[in-house]
Amino acid sequence: MEWKRLKARVLETGSVRLSGEPVDGYVSRSAAGPSAGSSGSLFFSPGDGRRLRAGINGDSPIELVHRGDGAADLIIDGETVAGRLEPAALHCPCQAYITVSGTCIFHCRYCPVPALPGRRKGVDEIVRMVESVADRIDAISITSGVASSIEEEEAYVLEVVSALRPFGLPIGVSIYPGPDTPARLHALGVAEVKFNIETATPELFREMCPGLSWEGIRESLSASVALFGRGRVYSNVIVGLGETDGDLERVMEDLAADGVIPVLRPLTPAASLAGMPRPSAERLLSLFEVQEKILRRAGLDPRQALTMCAACTGCDLTPGRDG
């Protein structure tokens, strides 16, 4: 099976059923986003720099057989694909991807974090976490909920970034931005930023994320390109919230024209959207073709990503990496 079709099937299903040898040491758990609080996930690679991430579910129709020492087979629709399990450094392979505040005062309908007993990590604790994996990472990525206010969260994340600069690694940051967030992060030497508009339209955002501003995030993205450069600014757009493919094409065109790389993130049904279906493999593949053309016309290449989701590629079909 062609890799992008195989990956789309896994993204459609969202999980694998484990068999074979124990997978201790390969399981990653999330403290933020729709996968927070789940039983964990695994990264599988066919060995050519491509990878996919899948949750663990004993009822999944897709089987992952661990042969031992990381060697694994993915059995999907009657086909077997040989590869390896990739150990996560922190949250994903080759990066220290850390959630600063695993709690949030906002209640986006697709996110379980506000209902979880999350906490804020201390600055020294985060430094120790990065030290523990420093020999097997090439980037640091920071994300966060909003523990008490947008302004206070930004100030705390800036403290964290300052403490991590001595590692000399590219740092990517994904938080909810205020008007001056891009300039402050740039002044600290951050390499890339990801501010997530989440939905294809502002109307859908108001429904999904009450109390937050799609337009404000969009303005921060535009401002960031002037500071960080074209192709160093990213934004997640969730697929499966009720938008049309035309809505997604328009927002991708708009972002790419500004120099922002849109990251199409398949919906993980959670929180008040737990009953929603995941997007189909066919839809993901169709959107992937559109995204590929838009990025190529705009001269944007996710393969150049240094940090965060576009560098990992596990959760999304990524043009240039999954073709």
C-alpha atoms as a PDB file:
ATOM      1  CA  MET A   1       0.000   0.000   0.000  1.00  0.00           C
ATOM      2  CA  GLU A   2       1.235   3.468  -0.887  1.00  0.00           C
ATOM      3  CA  TRP A   3       2.526   5.184   2.269  1.00  0.00           C
ATOM      4  CA  LYS A   4       0.176   8.177   2.177  1.00  0.00           C
ATOM      5  CA  ARG A   5      -2.823   5.859   1.801  1.00  0.00           C
ATOM      6  CA  LEU A   6      -1.643   3.668   4.651  1.00  0.00           C
ATOM      7  CA  LYS A   7      -1.119   6.700   6.871  1.00  0.00           C
ATOM      8  CA  ALA A   8      -4.514   8.141   5.938  1.00  0.00           C
ATOM      9  CA  ARG A   9      -6.135   4.852   6.995  1.00  0.00           C
ATOM     10  CA  VAL A  10      -4.368   5.006  10.361  1.00  0.00           C
ATOM     11  CA  LEU A  11      -5.388   8.651  10.814  1.00  0.00           C
ATOM     12  CA  GLU A  12      -8.972   7.727   9.924  1.00  0.00           C
ATOM     13  CA  THR A  13      -8.973   4.942  12.528  1.00  0.00           C
ATOM     14  CA  GLY A  14      -6.845   6.797  15.060  1.00  0.00           C
ATOM     15  CA  SER A  15      -5.425   3.732  16.745  1.00  0.00           C
ATOM     16  CA  VAL A  16      -3.755   0.338  16.504  1.00  0.00           C
ATOM     17  CA  ARG A  17      -4.246  -2.951  18.324  1.00  0.00           C
ATOM     18  CA  LEU A  18      -1.049  -4.259  19.882  1.00  0.00           C
ATOM     19  CA  SER A  19       0.301  -7.788  19.787  1.00  0.00           C
ATOM     20  CA  GLY A  20       3.695  -9.435  20.112  1.00  0.00           C
ATOM     21  CA  GLU A  21       6.380  -8.314  22.520  1.00  0.00           C
ATOM     22  CA  PRO A  22       5.805  -5.656  25.223  1.00  0.00           C
ATOM     23  CA  VAL A  23       6.127  -2.066  24.013  1.00  0.00           C
ATOM     24  CA  ASP A  24       7.438  -0.590  27.259  1.00  0.00           C
ATOM     25  CA  GLY A  25       9.724   2.317  26.423  1.00  0.00           C
ATOM     26  CA  TYR A  26       7.920   3.174  23.203  1.00  0.00           C
ATOM     27  CA  VAL A  27       4.642   4.541  24.577  1.00  0.00           C
ATOM     28  CA  SER A  28       4.163   8.316  24.623  1.00  0.00           C
ATOM     29  CA  ARG A  29       1.439  10.147  26.573  1.00  0.00           C
ATOM     30  CA  SER A  30       0.027  13.628  25.970  1.00  0.00           C
ATOM     31  CA  ALA A  31      -0.626  16.341  28.545  1.00  0.00           C
ATOM     32  CA  ALA A  32      -2.286  18.708  26.064  1.00  0.00           C
ATOM     33  CA  GLY A  33      -4.696  18.587  23.151  1.00  0.00           C
ATOM     34  CA  PRO A  34      -7.403  16.050  22.334  1.00  0.00           C
ATOM     35  CA  SER A  35      -5.204  13.042  23.209  1.00  0.00           C
ATOM     36  CA  ALA A  36      -4.564  14.280  26.760  1.00  0.00           C
ATOM     37  CA  GLY A  37      -5.557  11.696  29.334  1.00  0.00           C
ATOM     38  CA  SER A  38      -5.603   8.806  26.836  1.00  0.00           C
ATOM     39  CA  SER A  39      -3.863   5.450  27.239  1.00  0.00           C
ATOM     40  CA  GLY A  40      -0.962   6.628  25.116  1.00  0.00           C
ATOM     41  CA  SER A  41       0.319   6.300  21.579  1.00  0.00           C
ATOM     42  CA  LEU A  42       3.153   4.837  19.519  1.00  0.00           C
ATOM     43  CA  PHE A  43       5.290   6.119  16.662  1.00  0.00           C
ATOM     44  CA  PHE A  44       5.855   3.771  13.718  1.00  0.00           C
ATOM     45  CA  SER A  45       8.311   4.392  10.882  1.00  0.00           C
ATOM     46  CA  PRO A  46       8.981   2.371   7.714  1.00  0.00           C
ATOM     47  CA  GLY A  47      12.597   3.499   8.126  1.00  0.00           C
ATOM     48  CA  ASP A  48      12.881   6.265   5.526  1.00  0.00           C
ATOM     49  CA  GLY A  49      12.285   9.344   7.664  1.00  0.00           C
ATOM     50  CA  ARG A  50       8.498   9.065   7.461  1.00  0.00           C
ATOM     51  CA  ARG A  51       6.447   8.286  10.529  1.00  0.00           C
ATOM     52  CA  LEU A  52       2.955   8.009  11.891  1.00  0.00           C
ATOM     53  CA  ARG A  53       1.525   8.224  15.387  1.00  0.00           C
ATOM     54  CA  ALA A  54      -1.373   6.048  16.513  1.00  0.00           C
ATOM     55  CA  GLY A  55      -3.266   5.654  19.744  1.00  0.00           C
ATOM     56  CA  ILE A  56      -3.518   2.280  21.465  1.00  0.00           C
ATOM     57  CA  ASN A  57      -6.907   0.557  21.347  1.00  0.00           C
ATOM     58  CA  GLY A  58      -7.595  -3.146  21.756  1.00  0.00           C
ATOM     59  CA  ASP A  59     -10.600  -2.872  19.420  1.00  0.00           C
ATOM     60  CA  SER A  60      -8.751  -1.253  16.502  1.00  0.00           C
ATOM     61  CA  PRO A  61      -9.018  -3.037  13.130  1.00  0.00           C
ATOM     62  CA  ILE A  62      -5.346  -2.192  12.487  1.00  0.00           C
ATOM     63  CA  GLU A  63      -2.802  -4.464  14.165  1.00  0.00           C
ATOM     64  CA  LEU A  64       0.728  -3.553  15.176  1.00  0.00           C
ATOM     65  CA  VAL A  65       2.921  -6.555  15.907  1.00  0.00           C
ATOM     66  CA  HIS A  66       6.039  -5.807  17.938  1.00  0.00           C
ATOM     67  CA  ARG A  67       8.666  -8.409  17.017  1.00  0.00           C
ATOM     68  CA  GLY A  68      11.051  -7.161  19.709  1.00  0.00           C
ATOM     69  CA  ASP A  69      13.793  -4.527  20.001  1.00  0.00           C
ATOM     70  CA  GLY A  70      11.619  -2.021  18.149  1.00  0.00           C
ATOM     71  CA  ALA A  71      11.118  -4.103  14.994  1.00  0.00           C
ATOM     72  CA  ALA A  72       7.414  -4.066  14.136  1.00  0.00           C
ATOM     73  CA  ASP A  73       4.875  -4.911  11.458  1.00  0.00           C
ATOM     74  CA  LEU A  74       1.787  -2.851  10.735  1.00  0.00           C
ATOM     75  CA  ILE A  75      -1.038  -5.038   9.430  1.00  0.00           C
ATOM     76  CA  ILE A  76      -3.708  -3.006   7.693  1.00  0.00           C
ATOM     77  CA  ASP A  77      -6.433  -4.074   5.260  1.00  0.00           C
ATOM     78  CA  GLY A  78      -4.690  -7.416   4.766  1.00  0.00           C
ATOM     79  CA  GLU A  79      -1.306  -5.879   3.957  1.00  0.00           C
ATOM     80  CA  THR A  80       1.815  -6.016   6.134  1.00  0.00           C
ATOM     81  CA  VAL A  81       4.259  -3.109   6.303  1.00  0.00           C
ATOM     82  CA  ALA A  82       7.577  -3.690   8.059  1.00  0.00           C
ATOM     83  CA  GLY A  83       9.169  -0.949  10.085  1.00  0.00           C
ATOM     84  CA  ARG A  84      10.253   0.118  13.538  1.00  0.00           C
ATOM     85  CA  LEU A  85       8.790   1.671  16.626  1.00  0.00           C
ATOM     86  CA  GLU A  86      10.446   5.010  17.368  1.00  0.00           C
ATOM     87  CA  PRO A  87      10.988   5.898  21.009  1.00  0.00           C
ATOM     88  CA  ALA A  88       9.751   9.361  21.910  1.00  0.00           C
ATOM     89  CA  ALA A  89      12.286  11.649  23.562  1.00  0.00           C
ATOM     90  CA  LEU A  90       9.629  13.817  25.206  1.00  0.00           C
ATOM     91  CA  HIS A  91       6.216  13.390  23.536  1.00  0.00           C
ATOM     92  CA  CYS A  92       7.662  12.736  20.071  1.00  0.00           C
ATOM     93  CA  PRO A  93      10.868  11.393  18.473  1.00  0.00           C
ATOM     94  CA  CYS A  94      13.938  13.651  18.296  1.00  0.00           C
ATOM     95  CA  GLN A  95      12.330  16.541  20.190  1.00  0.00           C
ATOM     96  CA  ALA A  96      11.675  17.650  23.732  1.00  0.00           C
ATOM     97  CA  TYR A  97       8.053  18.673  23.155  1.00  0.00           C
ATOM     98  CA  ILE A  98       6.818  19.904  26.525  1.00  0.00           C
ATOM     99  CA  THR A  99       3.461  21.125  27.781  1.00  0.00           C
ATOM    100  CA  VAL A 100       4.117  23.900  30.304  1.00  0.00           C
ATOM    101  CA  SER A 101       0.616  24.195  31.803  1.00  0.00           C
ATOM    102  CA  GLY A 102      -1.486  21.061  31.484  1.00  0.00           C
ATOM    103  CA  THR A 103      -4.612  22.946  32.462  1.00  0.00           C
ATOM    104  CA  CYS A 104      -6.735  25.641  30.806  1.00  0.00           C
ATOM    105  CA  ILE A 105      -9.342  28.219  31.779  1.00  0.00           C
ATOM    106  CA  PHE A 106     -10.904  28.078  28.307  1.00  0.00           C
ATOM    107  CA  HIS A 107     -13.220  25.307  27.143  1.00  0.00           C
ATOM    108  CA  CYS A 108     -12.728  24.559  23.462  1.00  0.00           C
ATOM    109  CA  ARG A 109     -15.311  21.913  22.656  1.00  0.00           C
ATOM    110  CA  TYR A 110     -12.832  19.400  21.201  1.00  0.00           C
ATOM    111  CA  CYS A 111     -10.291  19.591  24.065  1.00  0.00           C
ATOM    112  CA  PRO A 112     -10.398  17.512  27.281  1.00  0.00           C
ATOM    113  CA  VAL A 113      -7.639  19.446  29.078  1.00  0.00           C
ATOM    114  CA  PRO A 114      -9.910  21.737  31.181  1.00  0.00           C
ATOM    115  CA  ALA A 115     -11.547  18.638  32.729  1.00  0.00           C
ATOM    116  CA  LEU A 116      -8.245  16.950  33.596  1.00  0.00           C
ATOM    117  CA  PRO A 117      -6.268  17.407  36.831  1.00  0.00           C
ATOM    118  CA  GLY A 118      -3.358  19.043  35.007  1.00  0.00           C
ATOM    119  CA  ARG A 119      -0.682  21.181  36.567  1.00  0.00           C
ATOM    120  CA  ARG A 120       1.966  23.700  35.616  1.00  0.00           C
ATOM    121  CA  LYS A 121       5.552  22.478  35.395  1.00  0.00           C
ATOM    122  CA  GLY A 122       8.255  24.508  37.139  1.00  0.00           C
ATOM    123  CA  VAL A 123      10.983  26.181  35.111  1.00  0.00           C
ATOM    124  CA  ASP A 124      13.705  24.110  36.793  1.00  0.00           C
ATOM    125  CA  GLU A 125      11.654  20.963  36.229  1.00  0.00           C
ATOM    126  CA  ILE A 126      11.408  21.706  32.508  1.00  0.00           C
ATOM    127  CA  VAL A 127      15.156  22.316  32.287  1.00  0.00           C
ATOM    128  CA  ARG A 128      15.774  18.951  33.965  1.00  0.00           C
ATOM    129  CA  MET A 129      13.393  17.263  31.529  1.00  0.00           C
ATOM    130  CA  VAL A 130      15.348  18.613  28.568  1.00  0.00           C
ATOM    131  CA  GLU A 131      18.652  17.644  30.209  1.00  0.00           C
ATOM    132  CA  SER A 132      17.371  14.074  30.538  1.00  0.00           C
ATOM    133  CA  VAL A 133      16.985  13.716  26.752  1.00  0.00           C
ATOM    134  CA  ALA A 134      19.581  16.212  25.503  1.00  0.00           C
ATOM    135  CA  ASP A 135      21.672  13.476  23.872  1.00  0.00           C
ATOM    136  CA  ARG A 136      18.818  12.368  21.589  1.00  0.00           C
ATOM    137  CA  ILE A 137      17.038  15.537  20.498  1.00  0.00           C
ATOM    138  CA  ASP A 138      17.665  18.188  17.880  1.00  0.00           C
ATOM    139  CA  ALA A 139      14.905  20.612  18.882  1.00  0.00           C
ATOM    140  CA  ILE A 140      12.856  21.892  21.810  1.00  0.00           C
ATOM    141  CA  SER A 141       9.162  22.620  21.394  1.00  0.00           C
ATOM    142  CA  ILE A 142       6.962  24.336  23.958  1.00  0.00           C
ATOM    143  CA  THR A 143       3.182  24.405  24.169  1.00  0.00           C
ATOM    144  CA  SER A 144       0.797  25.314  26.958  1.00  0.00           C
ATOM    145  CA  GLY A 145      -2.740  25.695  28.133  1.00  0.00           C
ATOM    146  CA  VAL A 146      -3.804  28.922  29.819  1.00  0.00           C
ATOM    147  CA  ALA A 147      -3.590  28.407  33.570  1.00  0.00           C
ATOM    148  CA  SER A 148      -4.904  31.795  34.762  1.00  0.00           C
ATOM    149  CA  SER A 149      -4.771  34.384  31.956  1.00  0.00           C
ATOM    150  CA  ILE A 150      -3.382  34.739  28.441  1.00  0.00           C
ATOM    151  CA  GLU A 151      -0.972  37.476  29.580  1.00  0.00           C
ATOM    152  CA  GLU A 152       0.286  35.552  32.621  1.00  0.00           C
ATOM    153  CA  GLU A 153       0.778  32.383  30.567  1.00  0.00           C
ATOM    154  CA  GLU A 154       2.828  34.229  27.986  1.00  0.00           C
ATOM    155  CA  ALA A 155       5.046  35.762  30.686  1.00  0.00           C
ATOM    156  CA  TYR A 156       5.647  32.330  32.209  1.00  0.00           C
ATOM    157  CA  VAL A 157       6.432  30.716  28.855  1.00  0.00           C
ATOM    158  CA  LEU A 158       8.937  33.514  28.183  1.00  0.00           C
ATOM    159  CA  GLU A 159      10.664  32.542  31.465  1.00  0.00           C
ATOM    160  CA  VAL A 160      10.774  28.936  30.302  1.00  0.00           C
ATOM    161  CA  VAL A 161      12.232  29.879  26.906  1.00  0.00           C
ATOM    162  CA  SER A 162      14.912  32.015  28.556  1.00  0.00           C
ATOM    163  CA  ALA A 163      15.928  29.081  30.750  1.00  0.00           C
ATOM    164  CA  LEU A 164      16.161  26.761  27.729  1.00  0.00           C
ATOM    165  CA  ARG A 165      18.298  28.988  25.510  1.00  0.00           C
ATOM    166  CA  PRO A 166      21.620  27.643  26.895  1.00  0.00           C
ATOM    167  CA  PHE A 167      20.911  24.258  25.278  1.00  0.00           C
ATOM    168  CA  GLY A 168      21.679  25.898  21.923  1.00  0.00           C
ATOM    169  CA  LEU A 169      18.875  24.043  20.119  1.00  0.00           C
ATOM    170  CA  PRO A 170      16.149  25.540  17.910  1.00  0.00           C
ATOM    171  CA  ILE A 171      13.104  26.327  20.036  1.00  0.00           C
ATOM    172  CA  GLY A 172       9.547  26.335  18.717  1.00  0.00           C
ATOM    173  CA  VAL A 173       6.645  27.773  20.701  1.00  0.00           C
ATOM    174  CA  SER A 174       2.904  27.178  20.336  1.00  0.00           C
ATOM    175  CA  ILE A 175       0.722  29.156  22.749  1.00  0.00           C
ATOM    176  CA  TYR A 176      -2.370  31.319  22.528  1.00  0.00           C
ATOM    177  CA  PRO A 177      -0.917  34.681  21.400  1.00  0.00           C
ATOM    178  CA  GLY A 178      -1.532  38.202  22.558  1.00  0.00           C
ATOM    179  CA  PRO A 179      -0.772  41.205  20.329  1.00  0.00           C
ATOM    180  CA  ASP A 180       2.899  41.403  21.348  1.00  0.00           C
ATOM    181  CA  THR A 181       3.598  37.670  21.678  1.00  0.00           C
ATOM    182  CA  PRO A 182       5.378  37.262  18.306  1.00  0.00           C
ATOM    183  CA  ALA A 183       7.803  40.130  18.985  1.00  0.00           C
ATOM    184  CA  ARG A 184       8.584  38.934  22.501  1.00  0.00           C
ATOM    185  CA  LEU A 185       9.265  35.371  21.382  1.00  0.00           C
ATOM    186  CA  HIS A 186      11.402  36.587  18.488  1.00  0.00           C
ATOM    187  CA  ALA A 187      13.444  38.786  20.825  1.00  0.00           C
ATOM    188  CA  LEU A 188      14.308  35.679  22.859  1.00  0.00           C
ATOM    189  CA  GLY A 189      15.662  33.869  19.810  1.00  0.00           C
ATOM    190  CA  VAL A 190      12.756  31.473  19.248  1.00  0.00           C
ATOM    191  CA  ALA A 191      13.167  29.813  15.844  1.00  0.00           C
ATOM    192  CA  GLU A 192       9.552  29.065  14.906  1.00  0.00           C
ATOM    193  CA  VAL A 193       6.040  29.716  16.196  1.00  0.00           C
ATOM    194  CA  LYS A 194       2.717  27.921  15.792  1.00  0.00           C
ATOM    195  CA  PHE A 195      -0.442  29.840  16.644  1.00  0.00           C
ATOM    196  CA  ASN A 196      -3.478  27.674  15.980  1.00  0.00           C
ATOM    197  CA  ILE A 197      -6.584  29.119  14.352  1.00  0.00           C
ATOM    198  CA  GLU A 198      -7.997  25.574  14.795  1.00  0.00           C
ATOM    199  CA  THR A 199     -11.061  26.052  12.559  1.00  0.00           C
ATOM    200  CA  ALA A 200     -11.464  26.834   8.873  1.00  0.00           C
ATOM    201  CA  THR A 201     -13.787  29.782   9.527  1.00  0.00           C
ATOM    202  CA  PRO A 202     -14.127  32.418  12.258  1.00  0.00           C
ATOM    203  CA  GLU A 203     -17.807  31.486  12.664  1.00  0.00           C
ATOM    204  CA  LEU A 204     -16.903  27.894  13.486  1.00  0.00           C
ATOM    205  CA  PHE A 205     -14.187  29.096  15.862  1.00  0.00           C
ATOM    206  CA  ARG A 206     -16.696  31.138  17.850  1.00  0.00           C
ATOM    207  CA  GLU A 207     -18.805  27.994  18.216  1.00  0.00           C
ATOM    208  CA  MET A 208     -15.869  25.763  19.166  1.00  0.00           C
ATOM    209  CA  CYS A 209     -13.726  28.120  21.289  1.00  0.00           C
ATOM    210  CA  PRO A 210     -15.935  30.614  23.135  1.00  0.00           C
ATOM    211  CA  GLY A 211     -14.048  33.529  24.635  1.00  0.00           C
ATOM    212  CA  LEU A 212     -11.117  33.355  22.219  1.00  0.00           C
ATOM    213  CA  SER A 213     -10.480  35.265  18.984  1.00  0.00           C
ATOM    214  CA  TRP A 214      -9.860  33.648  15.578  1.00  0.00           C
ATOM    215  CA  GLU A 215      -9.158  37.084  14.112  1.00  0.00           C
ATOM    216  CA  GLY A 216      -6.628  37.849  16.867  1.00  0.00           C
ATOM    217  CA  ILE A 217      -4.736  34.627  16.192  1.00  0.00           C
ATOM    218  CA  ARG A 218      -4.829  35.340  12.469  1.00  0.00           C
ATOM    219  CA  GLU A 219      -3.299  38.783  13.052  1.00  0.00           C
ATOM    220  CA  SER A 220      -0.544  37.264  15.204  1.00  0.00           C
ATOM    221  CA  LEU A 221       0.270  34.811  12.415  1.00  0.00           C
ATOM    222  CA  SER A 222       0.640  37.599   9.856  1.00  0.00           C
ATOM    223  CA  ALA A 223       2.807  39.616  12.236  1.00  0.00           C
ATOM    224  CA  SER A 224       4.983  36.585  12.913  1.00  0.00           C
ATOM    225  CA  VAL A 225       5.966  36.038   9.276  1.00  0.00           C
ATOM    226  CA  ALA A 226       7.656  39.442   9.174  1.00  0.00           C
ATOM    227  CA  LEU A 227       9.743  38.438  12.202  1.00  0.00           C
ATOM    228  CA  PHE A 228      10.450  34.724  11.782  1.00  0.00           C
ATOM    229  CA  GLY A 229      10.275  34.465   7.992  1.00  0.00           C
ATOM    230  CA  ARG A 230       8.095  32.644   5.487  1.00  0.00           C
ATOM    231  CA  GLY A 231       7.850  28.942   6.318  1.00  0.00           C
ATOM    232  CA  ARG A 232       8.815  29.435   9.983  1.00  0.00           C
ATOM    233  CA  VAL A 233       5.243  30.126  11.114  1.00  0.00           C
ATOM    234  CA  TYR A 234       2.581  27.406  11.393  1.00  0.00           C
ATOM    235  CA  SER A 235      -1.074  27.034  12.289  1.00  0.00           C
ATOM    236  CA  ASN A 236      -3.131  23.933  13.030  1.00  0.00           C
ATOM    237  CA  VAL A 237      -6.475  23.716  11.250  1.00  0.00           C
ATOM    238  CA  ILE A 238      -8.663  20.852  12.457  1.00  0.00           C
ATOM    239  CA  VAL A 239     -10.394  18.706   9.830  1.00  0.00           C
ATOM    240  CA  GLY A 240     -13.785  17.352  10.847  1.00  0.00           C
ATOM    241  CA  LEU A 241     -15.512  20.107  12.841  1.00  0.00           C
ATOM    242  CA  GLY A 242     -18.279  20.646  10.298  1.00  0.00           C
ATOM    243  CA  GLU A 243     -16.389  22.758   7.760  1.00  0.00           C
ATOM    244  CA  THR A 244     -16.501  22.114   4.014  1.00  0.00           C
ATOM    245  CA  ASP A 245     -13.497  21.217   1.876  1.00  0.00           C
ATOM    246  CA  GLY A 246     -13.971  24.596   0.217  1.00  0.00           C
ATOM    247  CA  ASP A 247     -13.641  26.299   3.609  1.00  0.00           C
ATOM    248  CA  LEU A 248     -10.365  24.465   4.198  1.00  0.00           C
ATOM    249  CA  GLU A 249      -9.010  25.269   0.753  1.00  0.00           C
ATOM    250  CA  ARG A 250      -9.772  28.976   1.240  1.00  0.00           C
ATOM    251  CA  VAL A 251      -8.106  29.186   4.650  1.00  0.00           C
ATOM    252  CA  MET A 252      -5.050  27.267   3.424  1.00  0.00           C
ATOM    253  CA  GLU A 253      -4.732  29.629   0.450  1.00  0.00           C
ATOM    254  CA  ASP A 254      -5.041  32.623   2.782  1.00  0.00           C
ATOM    255  CA  LEU A 255      -2.456  31.360   5.266  1.00  0.00           C
ATOM    256  CA  ALA A 256       0.026  30.259   2.587  1.00  0.00           C
ATOM    257  CA  ALA A 257      -0.250  33.604   0.788  1.00  0.00           C
ATOM    258  CA  ASP A 258       0.967  35.219   4.014  1.00  0.00           C
ATOM    259  CA  GLY A 259       3.854  32.748   4.362  1.00  0.00           C
ATOM    260  CA  VAL A 260       2.200  30.609   7.050  1.00  0.00           C
ATOM    261  CA  ILE A 261       2.249  26.810   6.703  1.00  0.00           C
ATOM    262  CA  PRO A 262      -1.172  25.326   7.512  1.00  0.00           C
ATOM    263  CA  VAL A 263      -1.049  22.012   9.390  1.00  0.00           C
ATOM    264  CA  LEU A 264      -4.195  19.964   8.690  1.00  0.00           C
ATOM    265  CA  ARG A 265      -4.968  18.067  11.894  1.00  0.00           C
ATOM    266  CA  PRO A 266      -7.596  15.289  11.716  1.00  0.00           C
ATOM    267  CA  LEU A 267     -10.158  15.618  14.501  1.00  0.00           C
ATOM    268  CA  THR A 268      -9.582  13.399  17.518  1.00  0.00           C
ATOM    269  CA  PRO A 269     -13.107  13.146  18.955  1.00  0.00           C
ATOM    270  CA  ALA A 270     -12.910  14.186  22.611  1.00  0.00           C
ATOM    271  CA  ALA A 271     -14.602  16.322  25.264  1.00  0.00           C
ATOM    272  CA  SER A 272     -18.027  17.491  24.055  1.00  0.00           C
ATOM    273  CA  LEU A 273     -17.208  16.255  20.536  1.00  0.00           C
ATOM    274  CA  ALA A 274     -16.498  12.696  21.695  1.00  0.00           C
ATOM    275  CA  GLY A 275     -19.352  11.403  19.532  1.00  0.00           C
ATOM    276  CA  MET A 276     -18.124  13.031  16.315  1.00  0.00           C
ATOM    277  CA  PRO A 277     -16.659  10.835  13.556  1.00  0.00           C
ATOM    278  CA  ARG A 278     -13.026  11.065  12.549  1.00  0.00           C
ATOM    279  CA  PRO A 279     -12.472  12.349   9.000  1.00  0.00           C
ATOM    280  CA  SER A 280     -12.305   9.615   6.377  1.00  0.00           C
ATOM    281  CA  ALA A 281      -9.091   8.520   4.709  1.00  0.00           C
ATOM    282  CA  GLU A 282     -10.541   9.584   1.358  1.00  0.00           C
ATOM    283  CA  ARG A 283     -11.200  13.112   2.596  1.00  0.00           C
ATOM    284  CA  LEU A 284      -7.747  13.401   4.157  1.00  0.00           C
ATOM    285  CA  LEU A 285      -6.083  12.258   0.932  1.00  0.00           C
ATOM    286  CA  SER A 286      -8.129  14.685  -1.168  1.00  0.00           C
ATOM    287  CA  LEU A 287      -7.251  17.597   1.132  1.00  0.00           C
ATOM    288  CA  PHE A 288      -3.601  16.511   1.139  1.00  0.00           C
ATOM    289  CA  GLU A 289      -3.453  16.901  -2.641  1.00  0.00           C
ATOM    290  CA  VAL A 290      -4.954  20.393  -2.390  1.00  0.00           C
ATOM    291  CA  GLN A 291      -2.594  21.366   0.442  1.00  0.00           C
ATOM    292  CA  GLU A 292       0.407  20.108  -1.518  1.00  0.00           C
ATOM    293  CA  LYS A 293      -0.481  22.300  -4.517  1.00  0.00           C
ATOM    294  CA  ILE A 294      -1.133  25.374  -2.370  1.00  0.00           C
ATOM    295  CA  LEU A 295       2.181  25.078  -0.535  1.00  0.00           C
ATOM    296  CA  ARG A 296       4.112  24.443  -3.735  1.00  0.00           C
ATOM    297  CA  ARG A 297       2.630  27.538  -5.392  1.00  0.00           C
ATOM    298  CA  ALA A 298       3.476  29.609  -2.307  1.00  0.00           C
ATOM    299  CA  GLY A 299       7.049  28.305  -2.175  1.00  0.00           C
ATOM    300  CA  LEU A 300       6.551  26.787   1.290  1.00  0.00           C
ATOM    301  CA  ASP A 301       8.200  23.480   2.203  1.00  0.00           C
ATOM    302  CA  PRO A 302       7.353  21.704   5.494  1.00  0.00           C
ATOM    303  CA  ARG A 303      10.494  19.581   5.041  1.00  0.00           C
ATOM    304  CA  GLN A 304      12.461  22.609   6.226  1.00  0.00           C
ATOM    305  CA  ALA A 305      10.684  22.636   9.605  1.00  0.00           C
ATOM    306  CA  LEU A 306      12.976  22.647  12.630  1.00  0.00           C
ATOM    307  CA  THR A 307      10.486  22.147  15.457  1.00  0.00           C
ATOM    308  CA  MET A 308       6.986  21.146  16.516  1.00  0.00           C
ATOM    309  CA  CYS A 309       4.413  19.249  14.447  1.00  0.00           C
ATOM    310  CA  ALA A 310       5.727  19.941  10.952  1.00  0.00           C
ATOM    311  CA  ALA A 311       9.121  18.521  11.970  1.00  0.00           C
ATOM    312  CA  CYS A 312       7.572  15.430  13.564  1.00  0.00           C
ATOM    313  CA  THR A 313       4.754  14.699  11.021  1.00  0.00           C
ATOM    314  CA  GLY A 314       3.357  11.843  13.121  1.00  0.00           C
ATOM    315  CA  CYS A 315      -0.206  13.154  13.485  1.00  0.00           C
ATOM    316  CA  ASP A 316      -0.805  14.624  10.029  1.00  0.00           C
ATOM    317  CA  LEU A 317      -0.314  13.998   6.332  1.00  0.00           C
ATOM    318  CA  THR A 318       2.564  16.373   5.583  1.00  0.00           C
ATOM    319  CA  PRO A 319       3.341  17.559   2.025  1.00  0.00           C
ATOM    320  CA  GLY A 320       6.900  16.789   1.016  1.00  0.00           C
ATOM    321  CA  ARG A 321       7.238  14.079   3.648  1.00  0.00           C
ATOM    322  CA  ASP A 322       4.241  11.825   3.037  1.00  0.00           C
ATOM    323  CA  GLY A 323       3.895  12.020  -0.729  1.00  0.00           C
END
